[in-house]
C-alpha atoms as a PDB file:
ATOM      1  CA  UNK A   1      -0.003  -0.019   0.117  1.00  0.00           C
ATOM      2  CA  UNK A   2       2.867   2.426  -1.386  1.00  0.00           C
ATOM      3  CA  UNK A   3       2.431   5.439  -3.383  1.00  0.00           C
ATOM      4  CA  UNK A   4       4.863   3.700  -6.114  1.00  0.00           C
ATOM      5  CA  UNK A   5       1.883   1.185  -6.339  1.00  0.00           C
ATOM      6  CA  UNK A   6      -1.159   3.661  -6.327  1.00  0.00           C
ATOM      7  CA  UNK A   7       0.304   6.552  -8.900  1.00  0.00           C
ATOM      8  CA  UNK A   8       1.333   6.878 -12.008  1.00  0.00           C
ATOM      9  CA  UNK A   9       4.102   4.466 -12.301  1.00  0.00           C
ATOM     10  CA  UNK A  10       5.227   1.718 -14.151  1.00  0.00           C
ATOM     11  CA  UNK A  11       3.869  -0.516 -11.043  1.00  0.00           C
ATOM     12  CA  UNK A  12       0.659   1.140 -10.983  1.00  0.00           C
ATOM     13  CA  UNK A  13      -2.199  -1.408  -9.406  1.00  0.00           C
ATOM     14  CA  UNK A  14      -5.142  -0.183 -10.702  1.00  0.00           C
ATOM     15  CA  UNK A  15      -6.822  -2.357  -8.165  1.00  0.00           C
ATOM     16  CA  UNK A  16      -5.351  -0.206  -5.141  1.00  0.00           C
ATOM     17  CA  UNK A  17      -7.935   2.200  -5.145  1.00  0.00           C
ATOM     18  CA  UNK A  18     -10.800  -0.173  -4.295  1.00  0.00           C
ATOM     19  CA  UNK A  19      -9.193  -2.252  -2.242  1.00  0.00           C
ATOM     20  CA  UNK A  20      -8.341   0.830   0.417  1.00  0.00           C
ATOM     21  CA  UNK A  21     -11.148   1.509   2.192  1.00  0.00           C
ATOM     22  CA  UNK A  22     -11.138  -1.835   3.095  1.00  0.00           C
ATOM     23  CA  UNK A  23      -7.428  -1.576   4.510  1.00  0.00           C
ATOM     24  CA  UNK A  24      -8.013   1.719   6.042  1.00  0.00           C
ATOM     25  CA  UNK A  25     -10.779  -0.086   8.197  1.00  0.00           C
ATOM     26  CA  UNK A  26      -8.850  -2.735   9.521  1.00  0.00           C
ATOM     27  CA  UNK A  27      -6.080  -0.287  10.110  1.00  0.00           C
ATOM     28  CA  UNK A  28      -8.180   1.777  11.579  1.00  0.00           C
ATOM     29  CA  UNK A  29      -9.955  -0.380  14.016  1.00  0.00           C
ATOM     30  CA  UNK A  30      -6.504  -2.259  14.846  1.00  0.00           C
ATOM     31  CA  UNK A  31      -3.630   0.428  14.522  1.00  0.00           C
ATOM     32  CA  UNK A  32      -1.814  -0.849  17.624  1.00  0.00           C
ATOM     33  CA  UNK A  33      -1.392  -4.408  15.781  1.00  0.00           C
ATOM     34  CA  UNK A  34      -1.056  -3.118  12.277  1.00  0.00           C
ATOM     35  CA  UNK A  35       2.329  -3.749  10.509  1.00  0.00           C
ATOM     36  CA  UNK A  36       3.394  -2.565   6.952  1.00  0.00           C
ATOM     37  CA  UNK A  37       5.808  -3.937   5.084  1.00  0.00           C
ATOM     38  CA  UNK A  38       7.390  -1.697   2.542  1.00  0.00           C
ATOM     39  CA  UNK A  39       9.274  -2.953  -0.550  1.00  0.00           C
ATOM     40  CA  UNK A  40      12.244  -0.507  -0.830  1.00  0.00           C
ATOM     41  CA  UNK A  41      14.041  -1.140  -4.284  1.00  0.00           C
ATOM     42  CA  UNK A  42      17.959  -0.327  -4.597  1.00  0.00           C
ATOM     43  CA  UNK A  43      19.655   2.979  -5.672  1.00  0.00           C
ATOM     44  CA  UNK A  44      20.833   1.590  -9.088  1.00  0.00           C
ATOM     45  CA  UNK A  45      20.658  -1.980 -10.256  1.00  0.00           C
ATOM     46  CA  UNK A  46      24.024  -2.686  -9.735  1.00  0.00           C
ATOM     47  CA  UNK A  47      23.273  -2.590  -6.029  1.00  0.00           C
ATOM     48  CA  UNK A  48      20.897  -5.423  -6.779  1.00  0.00           C
ATOM     49  CA  UNK A  49      22.549  -9.113  -6.121  1.00  0.00           C
ATOM     50  CA  UNK A  50      21.805 -11.846  -8.454  1.00  0.00           C
ATOM     51  CA  UNK A  51      18.511 -12.237 -10.603  1.00  0.00           C
ATOM     52  CA  UNK A  52      17.385  -8.935  -8.490  1.00  0.00           C
ATOM     53  CA  UNK A  53      20.181  -6.847 -10.453  1.00  0.00           C
ATOM     54  CA  UNK A  54      18.224  -7.994 -13.609  1.00  0.00           C
ATOM     55  CA  UNK A  55      14.955  -7.539 -12.420  1.00  0.00           C
ATOM     56  CA  UNK A  56      16.155  -3.747 -11.705  1.00  0.00           C
ATOM     57  CA  UNK A  57      17.710  -3.371 -14.887  1.00  0.00           C
ATOM     58  CA  UNK A  58      14.415  -3.842 -16.637  1.00  0.00           C
ATOM     59  CA  UNK A  59      13.188  -1.523 -14.079  1.00  0.00           C
ATOM     60  CA  UNK A  60      15.578   1.024 -13.611  1.00  0.00           C
ATOM     61  CA  UNK A  61      12.866   4.089 -13.287  1.00  0.00           C
ATOM     62  CA  UNK A  62      11.692   2.694  -9.789  1.00  0.00           C
ATOM     63  CA  UNK A  63      15.028   2.377  -8.379  1.00  0.00           C
ATOM     64  CA  UNK A  64      15.892   5.262  -5.937  1.00  0.00           C
ATOM     65  CA  UNK A  65      18.114   6.623  -8.238  1.00  0.00           C
ATOM     66  CA  UNK A  66      15.282   7.914 -10.399  1.00  0.00           C
ATOM     67  CA  UNK A  67      12.449   7.450  -8.406  1.00  0.00           C
ATOM     68  CA  UNK A  68      11.467  10.520  -5.821  1.00  0.00           C
ATOM     69  CA  UNK A  69      11.653   8.765  -2.115  1.00  0.00           C
ATOM     70  CA  UNK A  70       8.544   9.701  -1.156  1.00  0.00           C
ATOM     71  CA  UNK A  71       7.536   7.498  -3.536  1.00  0.00           C
ATOM     72  CA  UNK A  72       8.353   4.645  -1.349  1.00  0.00           C
ATOM     73  CA  UNK A  73       6.322   5.662   1.307  1.00  0.00           C
ATOM     74  CA  UNK A  74       2.551   4.301   2.373  1.00  0.00           C
ATOM     75  CA  UNK A  75      -0.257   6.286   1.336  1.00  0.00           C
ATOM     76  CA  UNK A  76      -1.043   9.427   2.908  1.00  0.00           C
ATOM     77  CA  UNK A  77      -4.156   8.005   4.625  1.00  0.00           C
ATOM     78  CA  UNK A  78      -2.444   4.472   6.209  1.00  0.00           C
ATOM     79  CA  UNK A  79       1.134   6.642   6.974  1.00  0.00           C
ATOM     80  CA  UNK A  80      -1.238   8.586   9.667  1.00  0.00           C
ATOM     81  CA  UNK A  81      -1.507   5.136  11.337  1.00  0.00           C
ATOM     82  CA  UNK A  82       2.204   5.240  12.018  1.00  0.00           C
ATOM     83  CA  UNK A  83       2.813   5.422  15.080  1.00  0.00           C
ATOM     84  CA  UNK A  84       1.400   3.070  16.610  1.00  0.00           C
ATOM     85  CA  UNK A  85       1.451   1.056  13.658  1.00  0.00           C
ATOM     86  CA  UNK A  86       4.746  -0.048  12.405  1.00  0.00           C
ATOM     87  CA  UNK A  87       6.807  -0.302   8.991  1.00  0.00           C
ATOM     88  CA  UNK A  88       9.164  -2.915   8.142  1.00  0.00           C
ATOM     89  CA  UNK A  89      11.428  -2.136   5.071  1.00  0.00           C
ATOM     90  CA  UNK A  90      12.049  -5.344   2.761  1.00  0.00           C
ATOM     91  CA  UNK A  91      14.058  -5.800  -0.228  1.00  0.00           C
ATOM     92  CA  UNK A  92      12.181  -8.959  -1.402  1.00  0.00           C
ATOM     93  CA  UNK A  93       9.023  -9.779  -1.904  1.00  0.00           C
ATOM     94  CA  UNK A  94       9.015 -11.555   1.100  1.00  0.00           C
ATOM     95  CA  UNK A  95       8.869  -9.861   4.721  1.00  0.00           C
ATOM     96  CA  UNK A  96      10.741 -12.826   6.016  1.00  0.00           C
ATOM     97  CA  UNK A  97      14.042 -13.070   4.691  1.00  0.00           C
ATOM     98  CA  UNK A  98      15.774 -11.441   7.104  1.00  0.00           C
ATOM     99  CA  UNK A  99      14.092 -12.523  10.184  1.00  0.00           C
ATOM    100  CA  UNK A 100      13.178  -9.468  11.720  1.00  0.00           C
ATOM    101  CA  UNK A 101       9.516  -9.513  11.393  1.00  0.00           C
ATOM    102  CA  UNK A 102       9.334 -13.171  12.508  1.00  0.00           C
ATOM    103  CA  UNK A 103      11.555 -12.218  15.526  1.00  0.00           C
ATOM    104  CA  UNK A 104       9.102  -9.314  16.532  1.00  0.00           C
ATOM    105  CA  UNK A 105       6.076 -11.380  16.419  1.00  0.00           C
ATOM    106  CA  UNK A 106       7.183 -14.345  18.112  1.00  0.00           C
ATOM    107  CA  UNK A 107       8.256 -11.392  20.788  1.00  0.00           C
ATOM    108  CA  UNK A 108       4.830 -10.592  20.814  1.00  0.00           C
ATOM    109  CA  UNK A 109       3.403 -14.173  21.019  1.00  0.00           C
ATOM    110  CA  UNK A 110       1.824 -14.023  17.805  1.00  0.00           C
ATOM    111  CA  UNK A 111      -0.102 -17.105  16.144  1.00  0.00           C
ATOM    112  CA  UNK A 112      -2.304 -15.356  13.634  1.00  0.00           C
ATOM    113  CA  UNK A 113      -1.575 -12.754  10.447  1.00  0.00           C
ATOM    114  CA  UNK A 114      -4.360 -10.535   8.741  1.00  0.00           C
ATOM    115  CA  UNK A 115      -2.974 -10.048   5.216  1.00  0.00           C
ATOM    116  CA  UNK A 116      -3.812  -7.087   3.117  1.00  0.00           C
ATOM    117  CA  UNK A 117      -2.393  -5.298   0.335  1.00  0.00           C
ATOM    118  CA  UNK A 118      -0.599  -5.613  -3.113  1.00  0.00           C
ATOM    119  CA  UNK A 119      -0.071  -7.665  -5.171  1.00  0.00           C
ATOM    120  CA  UNK A 120      -1.615 -10.881  -4.749  1.00  0.00           C
ATOM    121  CA  UNK A 121      -0.083 -12.688  -6.944  1.00  0.00           C
ATOM    122  CA  UNK A 122       3.748 -11.340  -5.746  1.00  0.00           C
ATOM    123  CA  UNK A 123       3.964  -9.552  -2.159  1.00  0.00           C
ATOM    124  CA  UNK A 124       0.494 -11.307  -0.683  1.00  0.00           C
ATOM    125  CA  UNK A 125       1.657 -14.729  -1.670  1.00  0.00           C
ATOM    126  CA  UNK A 126       4.723 -14.248  -0.800  1.00  0.00           C
ATOM    127  CA  UNK A 127       4.015 -13.541   2.778  1.00  0.00           C
ATOM    128  CA  UNK A 128       1.296 -15.939   2.963  1.00  0.00           C
ATOM    129  CA  UNK A 129       3.566 -18.778   2.264  1.00  0.00           C
ATOM    130  CA  UNK A 130       6.292 -17.677   4.158  1.00  0.00           C
ATOM    131  CA  UNK A 131       3.394 -17.175   7.340  1.00  0.00           C
ATOM    132  CA  UNK A 132       2.551 -20.384   6.600  1.00  0.00           C
ATOM    133  CA  UNK A 133       6.063 -22.071   6.587  1.00  0.00           C
ATOM    134  CA  UNK A 134       6.308 -20.413   9.748  1.00  0.00           C
ATOM    135  CA  UNK A 135       3.858 -21.706  11.577  1.00  0.00           C
ATOM    136  CA  UNK A 136       1.410 -19.086  11.612  1.00  0.00           C
ATOM    137  CA  UNK A 137      -2.005 -19.021  10.875  1.00  0.00           C
ATOM    138  CA  UNK A 138      -2.937 -17.199   7.529  1.00  0.00           C
ATOM    139  CA  UNK A 139      -6.189 -14.600   7.021  1.00  0.00           C
ATOM    140  CA  UNK A 140      -6.211 -13.010   4.000  1.00  0.00           C
ATOM    141  CA  UNK A 141      -8.824 -10.437   3.057  1.00  0.00           C
ATOM    142  CA  UNK A 142     -10.378 -11.338  -0.478  1.00  0.00           C
ATOM    143  CA  UNK A 143     -11.762  -7.551  -0.807  1.00  0.00           C
ATOM    144  CA  UNK A 144      -8.599  -5.758   1.071  1.00  0.00           C
ATOM    145  CA  UNK A 145      -5.617  -7.449  -1.647  1.00  0.00           C
ATOM    146  CA  UNK A 146      -5.297  -6.536  -4.857  1.00  0.00           C
ATOM    147  CA  UNK A 147      -3.667  -7.669  -8.240  1.00  0.00           C
ATOM    148  CA  UNK A 148      -2.399  -6.036 -11.918  1.00  0.00           C
ATOM    149  CA  UNK A 149      -4.933  -8.351 -13.480  1.00  0.00           C
ATOM    150  CA  UNK A 150      -8.220  -9.889 -12.238  1.00  0.00           C
ATOM    151  CA  UNK A 151      -6.814 -13.308 -13.830  1.00  0.00           C
ATOM    152  CA  UNK A 152      -3.473 -13.645 -11.703  1.00  0.00           C
ATOM    153  CA  UNK A 153      -5.724 -12.216  -8.314  1.00  0.00           C
ATOM    154  CA  UNK A 154      -8.076 -15.060  -8.867  1.00  0.00           C
ATOM    155  CA  UNK A 155      -5.268 -18.010  -9.809  1.00  0.00           C
ATOM    156  CA  UNK A 156      -3.524 -16.759  -6.586  1.00  0.00           C
ATOM    157  CA  UNK A 157      -6.424 -16.908  -4.262  1.00  0.00           C
ATOM    158  CA  UNK A 158      -7.649 -20.343  -5.544  1.00  0.00           C
ATOM    159  CA  UNK A 159      -4.104 -21.393  -5.075  1.00  0.00           C
ATOM    160  CA  UNK A 160      -3.778 -20.794  -1.112  1.00  0.00           C
ATOM    161  CA  UNK A 161      -7.192 -21.515  -0.394  1.00  0.00           C
ATOM    162  CA  UNK A 162      -7.676 -24.819  -1.738  1.00  0.00           C
ATOM    163  CA  UNK A 163      -3.900 -25.949  -0.943  1.00  0.00           C
ATOM    164  CA  UNK A 164      -3.427 -24.429   2.262  1.00  0.00           C
ATOM    165  CA  UNK A 165      -6.963 -25.226   4.095  1.00  0.00           C
ATOM    166  CA  UNK A 166      -5.813 -25.863   7.275  1.00  0.00           C
ATOM    167  CA  UNK A 167      -3.170 -23.147   7.887  1.00  0.00           C
ATOM    168  CA  UNK A 168      -5.394 -20.422   6.406  1.00  0.00           C
ATOM    169  CA  UNK A 169      -8.343 -18.951   5.800  1.00  0.00           C
ATOM    170  CA  UNK A 170      -9.637 -16.407   3.189  1.00  0.00           C
ATOM    171  CA  UNK A 171     -12.840 -13.830   3.667  1.00  0.00           C
ATOM    172  CA  UNK A 172     -14.135 -10.788   3.281  1.00  0.00           C
ATOM    173  CA  UNK A 173     -13.378  -8.071   5.362  1.00  0.00           C
ATOM    174  CA  UNK A 174     -16.631  -7.719   6.997  1.00  0.00           C
ATOM    175  CA  UNK A 175     -16.478 -11.444   7.945  1.00  0.00           C
ATOM    176  CA  UNK A 176     -13.090 -10.692   9.679  1.00  0.00           C
ATOM    177  CA  UNK A 177     -14.210  -7.551  11.420  1.00  0.00           C
ATOM    178  CA  UNK A 178     -17.526  -9.199  12.832  1.00  0.00           C
ATOM    179  CA  UNK A 179     -15.838 -12.084  13.655  1.00  0.00           C
ATOM    180  CA  UNK A 180     -13.334  -9.890  15.742  1.00  0.00           C
ATOM    181  CA  UNK A 181     -15.614  -7.398  17.217  1.00  0.00           C
ATOM    182  CA  UNK A 182     -17.706  -7.107  20.629  1.00  0.00           C
END
């Protein structure tokens, strides 16, 4: 839920506008328990390792050398929740790679994660699969995640819903909020 995915960039995800109200609702009701993961490209392609270098040679215009720093920020309406909501920066699709997020959550004795944001077939998928691998229960809010295309959104949710039935749930935002209120 960063500006570089919501505004006029090559990585714009048009669905983000459609899911923002649901993400805002969840974050607004559970601000002190909200964690945003923020994807940060390198300064220049040469700073990236392995196939990430090739990736950023293709997407050079999204590196810090070319994209203004404020574009990496959260959408302003979500940034207003920080603090108490916190931000974990990441350099890959998955927020689990460096271990900081898992250590933080384990320190709080968290066992369930509610996942929102974009893109369903990239960062959301990596977050959900990593959470499952680490033993968390994952809940994906189906109307609070987005993809660049309907096809990849549908395929990602179908995969997660059908293959990980004991480790995750998928539901609309209202069903989740109703289940945790009162």
